[in-house]
Amino acid sequence: MTGGNIRAVTARVTGRVQGVSFRAWTQSRAHALGLEGWVRNEADGSVTAMIGGESSAVDEMVEALHIGPRWAKVTGVTIELAEISELPPGFRITL
């Protein structure tokens, strides 16, 4: 990932976000937007994602996380800036 307006964020999504294909939906959406990073379930029932790419695509993904897939019920999304150097290539679901 190179270019001018690149950034990365870490997102924590709470609500009914496990058991509703949230990670697969996030991965699919990230691929469509040309983003890199990862998404995983957390023990507390939340989902965490690190997302990086063109700033406008990251913004679009963050907005989408507030809604999630059809069966999700998102109650909160917290965003923190992340280091672009920590992003893996591609976008993957991790454990």
PDB file of N, CA and C in Angstrom:
ATOM      1  N   MET A   1       0.842  -1.160   0.000  1.00  0.00           N
ATOM      2  CA  MET A   1       0.000   0.000   0.000  1.00  0.00           C
ATOM      3  C   MET A   1       0.891   1.228   0.000  1.00  0.00           C
ATOM      4  N   THR A   2       0.859   1.956  -1.070  1.00  0.00           N
ATOM      5  CA  THR A   2       1.605   3.203  -1.131  1.00  0.00           C
ATOM      6  C   THR A   2       0.693   4.263  -1.689  1.00  0.00           C
ATOM      7  N   GLY A   3       1.068   5.502  -1.496  1.00  0.00           N
ATOM      8  CA  GLY A   3       0.249   6.574  -2.019  1.00  0.00           C
ATOM      9  C   GLY A   3       0.086   7.667  -1.002  1.00  0.00           C
ATOM     10  N   GLY A   4      -0.632   8.698  -1.406  1.00  0.00           N
ATOM     11  CA  GLY A   4      -0.741   9.887  -0.590  1.00  0.00           C
ATOM     12  C   GLY A   4      -1.669   9.803   0.587  1.00  0.00           C
ATOM     13  N   ASN A   5      -2.903   9.454   0.363  1.00  0.00           N
ATOM     14  CA  ASN A   5      -3.911   9.578   1.408  1.00  0.00           C
ATOM     15  C   ASN A   5      -4.269   8.210   1.989  1.00  0.00           C
ATOM     16  N   ILE A   6      -3.284   7.564   2.593  1.00  0.00           N
ATOM     17  CA  ILE A   6      -3.444   6.217   3.150  1.00  0.00           C
ATOM     18  C   ILE A   6      -3.482   6.318   4.668  1.00  0.00           C
ATOM     19  N   ARG A   7      -4.389   5.558   5.276  1.00  0.00           N
ATOM     20  CA  ARG A   7      -4.421   5.520   6.742  1.00  0.00           C
ATOM     21  C   ARG A   7      -4.960   4.184   7.206  1.00  0.00           C
ATOM     22  N   ALA A   8      -4.793   3.929   8.505  1.00  0.00           N
ATOM     23  CA  ALA A   8      -5.282   2.684   9.102  1.00  0.00           C
ATOM     24  C   ALA A   8      -5.975   2.997  10.412  1.00  0.00           C
ATOM     25  N   VAL A   9      -6.990   2.189  10.724  1.00  0.00           N
ATOM     26  CA  VAL A   9      -7.714   2.322  11.987  1.00  0.00           C
ATOM     27  C   VAL A   9      -7.954   0.935  12.567  1.00  0.00           C
ATOM     28  N   THR A  10      -8.150   0.911  13.868  1.00  0.00           N
ATOM     29  CA  THR A  10      -8.631  -0.286  14.540  1.00  0.00           C
ATOM     30  C   THR A  10     -10.049   0.012  14.996  1.00  0.00           C
ATOM     31  N   ALA A  11     -10.974  -0.886  14.677  1.00  0.00           N
ATOM     32  CA  ALA A  11     -12.383  -0.709  15.035  1.00  0.00           C
ATOM     33  C   ALA A  11     -12.809  -1.823  15.980  1.00  0.00           C
ATOM     34  N   ARG A  12     -13.563  -1.456  17.001  1.00  0.00           N
ATOM     35  CA  ARG A  12     -14.177  -2.444  17.902  1.00  0.00           C
ATOM     36  C   ARG A  12     -15.682  -2.273  17.762  1.00  0.00           C
ATOM     37  N   VAL A  13     -16.360  -3.350  17.373  1.00  0.00           N
ATOM     38  CA  VAL A  13     -17.795  -3.309  17.111  1.00  0.00           C
ATOM     39  C   VAL A  13     -18.496  -4.158  18.167  1.00  0.00           C
ATOM     40  N   THR A  14     -19.502  -3.569  18.817  1.00  0.00           N
ATOM     41  CA  THR A  14     -20.240  -4.273  19.863  1.00  0.00           C
ATOM     42  C   THR A  14     -21.702  -4.434  19.469  1.00  0.00           C
ATOM     43  N   GLY A  15     -22.373  -5.337  20.159  1.00  0.00           N
ATOM     44  CA  GLY A  15     -23.774  -5.646  19.894  1.00  0.00           C
ATOM     45  C   GLY A  15     -23.898  -7.115  19.535  1.00  0.00           C
ATOM     46  N   ARG A  16     -24.913  -7.443  18.739  1.00  0.00           N
ATOM     47  CA  ARG A  16     -25.052  -8.822  18.246  1.00  0.00           C
ATOM     48  C   ARG A  16     -24.218  -8.915  16.964  1.00  0.00           C
ATOM     49  N   VAL A  17     -22.924  -9.186  17.145  1.00  0.00           N
ATOM     50  CA  VAL A  17     -21.995  -9.173  16.017  1.00  0.00           C
ATOM     51  C   VAL A  17     -21.238 -10.490  15.849  1.00  0.00           C
ATOM     52  N   GLN A  18     -21.518 -11.467  16.698  1.00  0.00           N
ATOM     53  CA  GLN A  18     -20.951 -12.803  16.521  1.00  0.00           C
ATOM     54  C   GLN A  18     -22.089 -13.767  16.213  1.00  0.00           C
ATOM     55  N   GLY A  19     -21.803 -14.743  15.348  1.00  0.00           N
ATOM     56  CA  GLY A  19     -22.827 -15.703  14.950  1.00  0.00           C
ATOM     57  C   GLY A  19     -23.775 -15.165  13.896  1.00  0.00           C
ATOM     58  N   VAL A  20     -23.410 -14.037  13.270  1.00  0.00           N
ATOM     59  CA  VAL A  20     -24.257 -13.422  12.242  1.00  0.00           C
ATOM     60  C   VAL A  20     -23.457 -13.131  10.968  1.00  0.00           C
ATOM     61  N   SER A  21     -22.337 -13.830  10.789  1.00  0.00           N
ATOM     62  CA  SER A  21     -21.458 -13.678   9.614  1.00  0.00           C
ATOM     63  C   SER A  21     -20.819 -12.298   9.513  1.00  0.00           C
ATOM     64  N   PHE A  22     -20.617 -11.648  10.660  1.00  0.00           N
ATOM     65  CA  PHE A  22     -20.044 -10.302  10.650  1.00  0.00           C
ATOM     66  C   PHE A  22     -18.632 -10.298  10.077  1.00  0.00           C
ATOM     67  N   ARG A  23     -17.813 -11.277  10.451  1.00  0.00           N
ATOM     68  CA  ARG A  23     -16.432 -11.302   9.955  1.00  0.00           C
ATOM     69  C   ARG A  23     -16.382 -11.538   8.447  1.00  0.00           C
ATOM     70  N   ALA A  24     -17.173 -12.475   7.944  1.00  0.00           N
ATOM     71  CA  ALA A  24     -17.191 -12.747   6.505  1.00  0.00           C
ATOM     72  C   ALA A  24     -17.709 -11.536   5.736  1.00  0.00           C
ATOM     73  N   TRP A  25     -18.723 -10.879   6.270  1.00  0.00           N
ATOM     74  CA  TRP A  25     -19.265  -9.675   5.648  1.00  0.00           C
ATOM     75  C   TRP A  25     -18.209  -8.571   5.619  1.00  0.00           C
ATOM     76  N   THR A  26     -17.487  -8.410   6.728  1.00  0.00           N
ATOM     77  CA  THR A  26     -16.441  -7.388   6.803  1.00  0.00           C
ATOM     78  C   THR A  26     -15.346  -7.668   5.782  1.00  0.00           C
ATOM     79  N   GLN A  27     -14.925  -8.924   5.681  1.00  0.00           N
ATOM     80  CA  GLN A  27     -13.890  -9.290   4.721  1.00  0.00           C
ATOM     81  C   GLN A  27     -14.348  -9.009   3.290  1.00  0.00           C
ATOM     82  N   SER A  28     -15.567  -9.382   2.962  1.00  0.00           N
ATOM     83  CA  SER A  28     -16.105  -9.159   1.624  1.00  0.00           C
ATOM     84  C   SER A  28     -16.164  -7.668   1.297  1.00  0.00           C
ATOM     85  N   ARG A  29     -16.639  -6.888   2.246  1.00  0.00           N
ATOM     86  CA  ARG A  29     -16.739  -5.434   2.060  1.00  0.00           C
ATOM     87  C   ARG A  29     -15.353  -4.813   1.900  1.00  0.00           C
ATOM     88  N   ALA A  30     -14.398  -5.267   2.720  1.00  0.00           N
ATOM     89  CA  ALA A  30     -13.029  -4.748   2.644  1.00  0.00           C
ATOM     90  C   ALA A  30     -12.402  -5.062   1.285  1.00  0.00           C
ATOM     91  N   HIS A  31     -12.600  -6.289   0.795  1.00  0.00           N
ATOM     92  CA  HIS A  31     -12.074  -6.651  -0.525  1.00  0.00           C
ATOM     93  C   HIS A  31     -12.677  -5.749  -1.595  1.00  0.00           C
ATOM     94  N   ALA A  32     -13.970  -5.510  -1.535  1.00  0.00           N
ATOM     95  CA  ALA A  32     -14.647  -4.672  -2.525  1.00  0.00           C
ATOM     96  C   ALA A  32     -14.112  -3.242  -2.517  1.00  0.00           C
ATOM     97  N   LEU A  33     -13.674  -2.783  -1.349  1.00  0.00           N
ATOM     98  CA  LEU A  33     -13.160  -1.413  -1.216  1.00  0.00           C
ATOM     99  C   LEU A  33     -11.648  -1.333  -1.409  1.00  0.00           C
ATOM    100  N   GLY A  34     -11.000  -2.461  -1.646  1.00  0.00           N
ATOM    101  CA  GLY A  34      -9.557  -2.468  -1.845  1.00  0.00           C
ATOM    102  C   GLY A  34      -8.759  -2.230  -0.572  1.00  0.00           C
ATOM    103  N   LEU A  35      -9.311  -2.644   0.562  1.00  0.00           N
ATOM    104  CA  LEU A  35      -8.661  -2.423   1.852  1.00  0.00           C
ATOM    105  C   LEU A  35      -7.829  -3.625   2.267  1.00  0.00           C
ATOM    106  N   GLU A  36      -6.899  -3.382   3.182  1.00  0.00           N
ATOM    107  CA  GLU A  36      -6.081  -4.442   3.760  1.00  0.00           C
ATOM    108  C   GLU A  36      -6.335  -4.491   5.254  1.00  0.00           C
ATOM    109  N   GLY A  37      -6.030  -5.647   5.868  1.00  0.00           N
ATOM    110  CA  GLY A  37      -6.166  -5.755   7.314  1.00  0.00           C
ATOM    111  C   GLY A  37      -6.679  -7.103   7.749  1.00  0.00           C
ATOM    112  N   TRP A  38      -7.401  -7.106   8.863  1.00  0.00           N
ATOM    113  CA  TRP A  38      -7.918  -8.340   9.438  1.00  0.00           C
ATOM    114  C   TRP A  38      -9.158  -8.041  10.280  1.00  0.00           C
ATOM    115  N   VAL A  39      -9.891  -9.115  10.604  1.00  0.00           N
ATOM    116  CA  VAL A  39     -11.063  -9.022  11.475  1.00  0.00           C
ATOM    117  C   VAL A  39     -11.107 -10.285  12.329  1.00  0.00           C
ATOM    118  N   ARG A  40     -11.517 -10.137  13.599  1.00  0.00           N
ATOM    119  CA  ARG A  40     -11.584 -11.303  14.491  1.00  0.00           C
ATOM    120  C   ARG A  40     -12.668 -11.115  15.542  1.00  0.00           C
ATOM    121  N   ASN A  41     -13.175 -12.257  16.035  1.00  0.00           N
ATOM    122  CA  ASN A  41     -14.082 -12.265  17.181  1.00  0.00           C
ATOM    123  C   ASN A  41     -13.269 -12.106  18.454  1.00  0.00           C
ATOM    124  N   GLU A  42     -13.870 -11.461  19.453  1.00  0.00           N
ATOM    125  CA  GLU A  42     -13.245 -11.313  20.763  1.00  0.00           C
ATOM    126  C   GLU A  42     -14.032 -12.131  21.789  1.00  0.00           C
ATOM    127  N   ALA A  43     -13.379 -12.494  22.878  1.00  0.00           N
ATOM    128  CA  ALA A  43     -14.007 -13.308  23.927  1.00  0.00           C
ATOM    129  C   ALA A  43     -15.202 -12.614  24.567  1.00  0.00           C
ATOM    130  N   ASP A  44     -15.222 -11.284  24.554  1.00  0.00           N
ATOM    131  CA  ASP A  44     -16.321 -10.542  25.184  1.00  0.00           C
ATOM    132  C   ASP A  44     -17.547 -10.397  24.284  1.00  0.00           C
ATOM    133  N   GLY A  45     -17.520 -11.015  23.086  1.00  0.00           N
ATOM    134  CA  GLY A  45     -18.658 -10.953  22.172  1.00  0.00           C
ATOM    135  C   GLY A  45     -18.560  -9.860  21.128  1.00  0.00           C
ATOM    136  N   SER A  46     -17.534  -9.037  21.202  1.00  0.00           N
ATOM    137  CA  SER A  46     -17.341  -7.980  20.210  1.00  0.00           C
ATOM    138  C   SER A  46     -16.540  -8.514  19.025  1.00  0.00           C
ATOM    139  N   VAL A  47     -16.398  -7.673  18.015  1.00  0.00           N
ATOM    140  CA  VAL A  47     -15.558  -7.960  16.858  1.00  0.00           C
ATOM    141  C   VAL A  47     -14.559  -6.815  16.736  1.00  0.00           C
ATOM    142  N   THR A  48     -13.294  -7.154  16.484  1.00  0.00           N
ATOM    143  CA  THR A  48     -12.259  -6.153  16.270  1.00  0.00           C
ATOM    144  C   THR A  48     -11.733  -6.293  14.853  1.00  0.00           C
ATOM    145  N   ALA A  49     -11.470  -5.157  14.210  1.00  0.00           N
ATOM    146  CA  ALA A  49     -10.899  -5.164  12.865  1.00  0.00           C
ATOM    147  C   ALA A  49      -9.826  -4.096  12.764  1.00  0.00           C
ATOM    148  N   MET A  50      -8.757  -4.402  12.048  1.00  0.00           N
ATOM    149  CA  MET A  50      -7.774  -3.405  11.659  1.00  0.00           C
ATOM    150  C   MET A  50      -7.933  -3.224  10.165  1.00  0.00           C
ATOM    151  N   ILE A  51      -8.131  -1.987   9.752  1.00  0.00           N
ATOM    152  CA  ILE A  51      -8.492  -1.678   8.376  1.00  0.00           C
ATOM    153  C   ILE A  51      -7.579  -0.579   7.869  1.00  0.00           C
ATOM    154  N   GLY A  52      -6.995  -0.776   6.693  1.00  0.00           N
ATOM    155  CA  GLY A  52      -6.132   0.249   6.129  1.00  0.00           C
ATOM    156  C   GLY A  52      -6.291   0.358   4.632  1.00  0.00           C
ATOM    157  N   GLY A  53      -6.039   1.556   4.125  1.00  0.00           N
ATOM    158  CA  GLY A  53      -6.121   1.797   2.692  1.00  0.00           C
ATOM    159  C   GLY A  53      -6.360   3.262   2.427  1.00  0.00           C
ATOM    160  N   GLU A  54      -6.882   3.545   1.248  1.00  0.00           N
ATOM    161  CA  GLU A  54      -7.217   4.921   0.899  1.00  0.00           C
ATOM    162  C   GLU A  54      -8.176   5.480   1.943  1.00  0.00           C
ATOM    163  N   SER A  55      -7.932   6.697   2.355  1.00  0.00           N
ATOM    164  CA  SER A  55      -8.702   7.301   3.441  1.00  0.00           C
ATOM    165  C   SER A  55     -10.206   7.267   3.177  1.00  0.00           C
ATOM    166  N   SER A  56     -10.621   7.551   1.949  1.00  0.00           N
ATOM    167  CA  SER A  56     -12.059   7.561   1.643  1.00  0.00           C
ATOM    168  C   SER A  56     -12.658   6.159   1.761  1.00  0.00           C
ATOM    169  N   ALA A  57     -11.898   5.131   1.378  1.00  0.00           N
ATOM    170  CA  ALA A  57     -12.382   3.753   1.495  1.00  0.00           C
ATOM    171  C   ALA A  57     -12.452   3.329   2.959  1.00  0.00           C
ATOM    172  N   VAL A  58     -11.472   3.747   3.762  1.00  0.00           N
ATOM    173  CA  VAL A  58     -11.503   3.457   5.198  1.00  0.00           C
ATOM    174  C   VAL A  58     -12.734   4.110   5.818  1.00  0.00           C
ATOM    175  N   ASP A  59     -13.002   5.365   5.457  1.00  0.00           N
ATOM    176  CA  ASP A  59     -14.189   6.056   5.975  1.00  0.00           C
ATOM    177  C   ASP A  59     -15.467   5.319   5.599  1.00  0.00           C
ATOM    178  N   GLU A  60     -15.547   4.848   4.355  1.00  0.00           N
ATOM    179  CA  GLU A  60     -16.735   4.115   3.898  1.00  0.00           C
ATOM    180  C   GLU A  60     -16.908   2.814   4.686  1.00  0.00           C
ATOM    181  N   MET A  61     -15.797   2.131   4.954  1.00  0.00           N
ATOM    182  CA  MET A  61     -15.858   0.886   5.722  1.00  0.00           C
ATOM    183  C   MET A  61     -16.308   1.155   7.147  1.00  0.00           C
ATOM    184  N   VAL A  62     -15.783   2.201   7.760  1.00  0.00           N
ATOM    185  CA  VAL A  62     -16.173   2.547   9.132  1.00  0.00           C
ATOM    186  C   VAL A  62     -17.672   2.831   9.193  1.00  0.00           C
ATOM    187  N   GLU A  63     -18.194   3.555   8.224  1.00  0.00           N
ATOM    188  CA  GLU A  63     -19.638   3.817   8.190  1.00  0.00           C
ATOM    189  C   GLU A  63     -20.421   2.514   8.059  1.00  0.00           C
ATOM    190  N   ALA A  64     -19.941   1.604   7.211  1.00  0.00           N
ATOM    191  CA  ALA A  64     -20.620   0.320   7.018  1.00  0.00           C
ATOM    192  C   ALA A  64     -20.607  -0.514   8.295  1.00  0.00           C
ATOM    193  N   LEU A  65     -19.532  -0.422   9.080  1.00  0.00           N
ATOM    194  CA  LEU A  65     -19.452  -1.188  10.327  1.00  0.00           C
ATOM    195  C   LEU A  65     -20.549  -0.789  11.311  1.00  0.00           C
ATOM    196  N   HIS A  66     -21.035   0.432  11.219  1.00  0.00           N
ATOM    197  CA  HIS A  66     -22.120   0.882  12.098  1.00  0.00           C
ATOM    198  C   HIS A  66     -23.438   0.162  11.794  1.00  0.00           C
ATOM    199  N   ILE A  67     -23.533  -0.430  10.617  1.00  0.00           N
ATOM    200  CA  ILE A  67     -24.754  -1.133  10.203  1.00  0.00           C
ATOM    201  C   ILE A  67     -24.542  -2.644  10.248  1.00  0.00           C
ATOM    202  N   GLY A  68     -23.463  -3.115   9.620  1.00  0.00           N
ATOM    203  CA  GLY A  68     -23.157  -4.541   9.608  1.00  0.00           C
ATOM    204  C   GLY A  68     -24.048  -5.320   8.666  1.00  0.00           C
ATOM    205  N   PRO A  69     -23.910  -6.645   8.684  1.00  0.00           N
ATOM    206  CA  PRO A  69     -24.735  -7.490   7.829  1.00  0.00           C
ATOM    207  C   PRO A  69     -26.177  -7.557   8.339  1.00  0.00           C
ATOM    208  N   ARG A  70     -27.016  -8.139   7.542  1.00  0.00           N
ATOM    209  CA  ARG A  70     -28.458  -8.179   7.797  1.00  0.00           C
ATOM    210  C   ARG A  70     -28.846  -8.631   9.202  1.00  0.00           C
ATOM    211  N   TRP A  71     -28.241  -9.682   9.733  1.00  0.00           N
ATOM    212  CA  TRP A  71     -28.666 -10.239  11.015  1.00  0.00           C
ATOM    213  C   TRP A  71     -27.968  -9.614  12.220  1.00  0.00           C
ATOM    214  N   ALA A  72     -27.040  -8.708  11.977  1.00  0.00           N
ATOM    215  CA  ALA A  72     -26.327  -8.061  13.089  1.00  0.00           C
ATOM    216  C   ALA A  72     -27.176  -6.967  13.716  1.00  0.00           C
ATOM    217  N   LYS A  73     -26.871  -6.654  14.964  1.00  0.00           N
ATOM    218  CA  LYS A  73     -27.468  -5.504  15.653  1.00  0.00           C
ATOM    219  C   LYS A  73     -26.316  -4.775  16.329  1.00  0.00           C
ATOM    220  N   VAL A  74     -25.751  -3.818  15.612  1.00  0.00           N
ATOM    221  CA  VAL A  74     -24.603  -3.065  16.106  1.00  0.00           C
ATOM    222  C   VAL A  74     -25.084  -2.033  17.115  1.00  0.00           C
ATOM    223  N   THR A  75     -24.457  -2.045  18.294  1.00  0.00           N
ATOM    224  CA  THR A  75     -24.805  -1.062  19.326  1.00  0.00           C
ATOM    225  C   THR A  75     -23.699  -0.045  19.558  1.00  0.00           C
ATOM    226  N   GLY A  76     -22.506  -0.319  19.050  1.00  0.00           N
ATOM    227  CA  GLY A  76     -21.412   0.636  19.221  1.00  0.00           C
ATOM    228  C   GLY A  76     -20.228   0.309  18.337  1.00  0.00           C
ATOM    229  N   VAL A  77     -19.537   1.362  17.910  1.00  0.00           N
ATOM    230  CA  VAL A  77     -18.303   1.220  17.143  1.00  0.00           C
ATOM    231  C   VAL A  77     -17.312   2.236  17.696  1.00  0.00           C
ATOM    232  N   THR A  78     -16.157   1.758  18.142  1.00  0.00           N
ATOM    233  CA  THR A  78     -15.097   2.662  18.575  1.00  0.00           C
ATOM    234  C   THR A  78     -13.941   2.538  17.595  1.00  0.00           C
ATOM    235  N   ILE A  79     -13.357   3.672  17.260  1.00  0.00           N
ATOM    236  CA  ILE A  79     -12.301   3.741  16.254  1.00  0.00           C
ATOM    237  C   ILE A  79     -11.063   4.381  16.865  1.00  0.00           C
ATOM    238  N   GLU A  80      -9.919   3.775  16.613  1.00  0.00           N
ATOM    239  CA  GLU A  80      -8.629   4.347  17.007  1.00  0.00           C
ATOM    240  C   GLU A  80      -7.703   4.313  15.799  1.00  0.00           C
ATOM    241  N   LEU A  81      -6.859   5.320  15.669  1.00  0.00           N
ATOM    242  CA  LEU A  81      -5.865   5.314  14.602  1.00  0.00           C
ATOM    243  C   LEU A  81      -4.885   4.176  14.840  1.00  0.00           C
ATOM    244  N   ALA A  82      -4.410   3.575  13.771  1.00  0.00           N
ATOM    245  CA  ALA A  82      -3.474   2.449  13.855  1.00  0.00           C
ATOM    246  C   ALA A  82      -2.269   2.734  12.968  1.00  0.00           C
ATOM    247  N   GLU A  83      -1.225   1.967  13.178  1.00  0.00           N
ATOM    248  CA  GLU A  83      -0.013   2.084  12.363  1.00  0.00           C
ATOM    249  C   GLU A  83      -0.183   1.289  11.072  1.00  0.00           C
ATOM    250  N   ILE A  84       0.000   1.956   9.963  1.00  0.00           N
ATOM    251  CA  ILE A  84      -0.124   1.313   8.656  1.00  0.00           C
ATOM    252  C   ILE A  84       0.865   0.154   8.535  1.00  0.00           C
ATOM    253  N   SER A  85       2.021   0.262   9.186  1.00  0.00           N
ATOM    254  CA  SER A  85       3.054  -0.780   9.096  1.00  0.00           C
ATOM    255  C   SER A  85       2.618  -2.093   9.740  1.00  0.00           C
ATOM    256  N   GLU A  86       1.578  -2.075  10.564  1.00  0.00           N
ATOM    257  CA  GLU A  86       1.097  -3.282  11.237  1.00  0.00           C
ATOM    258  C   GLU A  86       0.114  -4.088  10.393  1.00  0.00           C
ATOM    259  N   LEU A  87      -0.260  -3.571   9.228  1.00  0.00           N
ATOM    260  CA  LEU A  87      -1.250  -4.251   8.390  1.00  0.00           C
ATOM    261  C   LEU A  87      -0.635  -5.386   7.587  1.00  0.00           C
ATOM    262  N   PRO A  88      -1.288  -6.540   7.577  1.00  0.00           N
ATOM    263  CA  PRO A  88      -0.840  -7.616   6.693  1.00  0.00           C
ATOM    264  C   PRO A  88      -1.332  -7.331   5.278  1.00  0.00           C
ATOM    265  N   PRO A  89      -0.728  -7.940   4.269  1.00  0.00           N
ATOM    266  CA  PRO A  89      -1.263  -7.779   2.914  1.00  0.00           C
ATOM    267  C   PRO A  89      -2.607  -8.496   2.797  1.00  0.00           C
ATOM    268  N   GLY A  90      -3.490  -7.971   1.985  1.00  0.00           N
ATOM    269  CA  GLY A  90      -4.813  -8.566   1.825  1.00  0.00           C
ATOM    270  C   GLY A  90      -5.691  -8.276   3.023  1.00  0.00           C
ATOM    271  N   PHE A  91      -6.806  -8.967   3.110  1.00  0.00           N
ATOM    272  CA  PHE A  91      -7.707  -8.803   4.250  1.00  0.00           C
ATOM    273  C   PHE A  91      -8.157 -10.183   4.675  1.00  0.00           C
ATOM    274  N   ARG A  92      -7.902 -10.532   5.931  1.00  0.00           N
ATOM    275  CA  ARG A  92      -8.189 -11.898   6.369  1.00  0.00           C
ATOM    276  C   ARG A  92      -8.976 -11.952   7.670  1.00  0.00           C
ATOM    277  N   ILE A  93      -9.648 -13.069   7.836  1.00  0.00           N
ATOM    278  CA  ILE A  93     -10.328 -13.383   9.094  1.00  0.00           C
ATOM    279  C   ILE A  93      -9.315 -14.121   9.953  1.00  0.00           C
ATOM    280  N   THR A  94      -9.103 -13.631  11.175  1.00  0.00           N
ATOM    281  CA  THR A  94      -8.139 -14.267  12.075  1.00  0.00           C
ATOM    282  C   THR A  94      -8.861 -14.816  13.295  1.00  0.00           C
ATOM    283  N   LEU A  95      -8.155 -15.631  14.060  1.00  0.00           N
ATOM    284  CA  LEU A  95      -8.721 -16.216  15.277  1.00  0.00           C
ATOM    285  C   LEU A  95      -8.337 -15.409  16.482  1.00  0.00           C
TER     286      LEU A  95
END
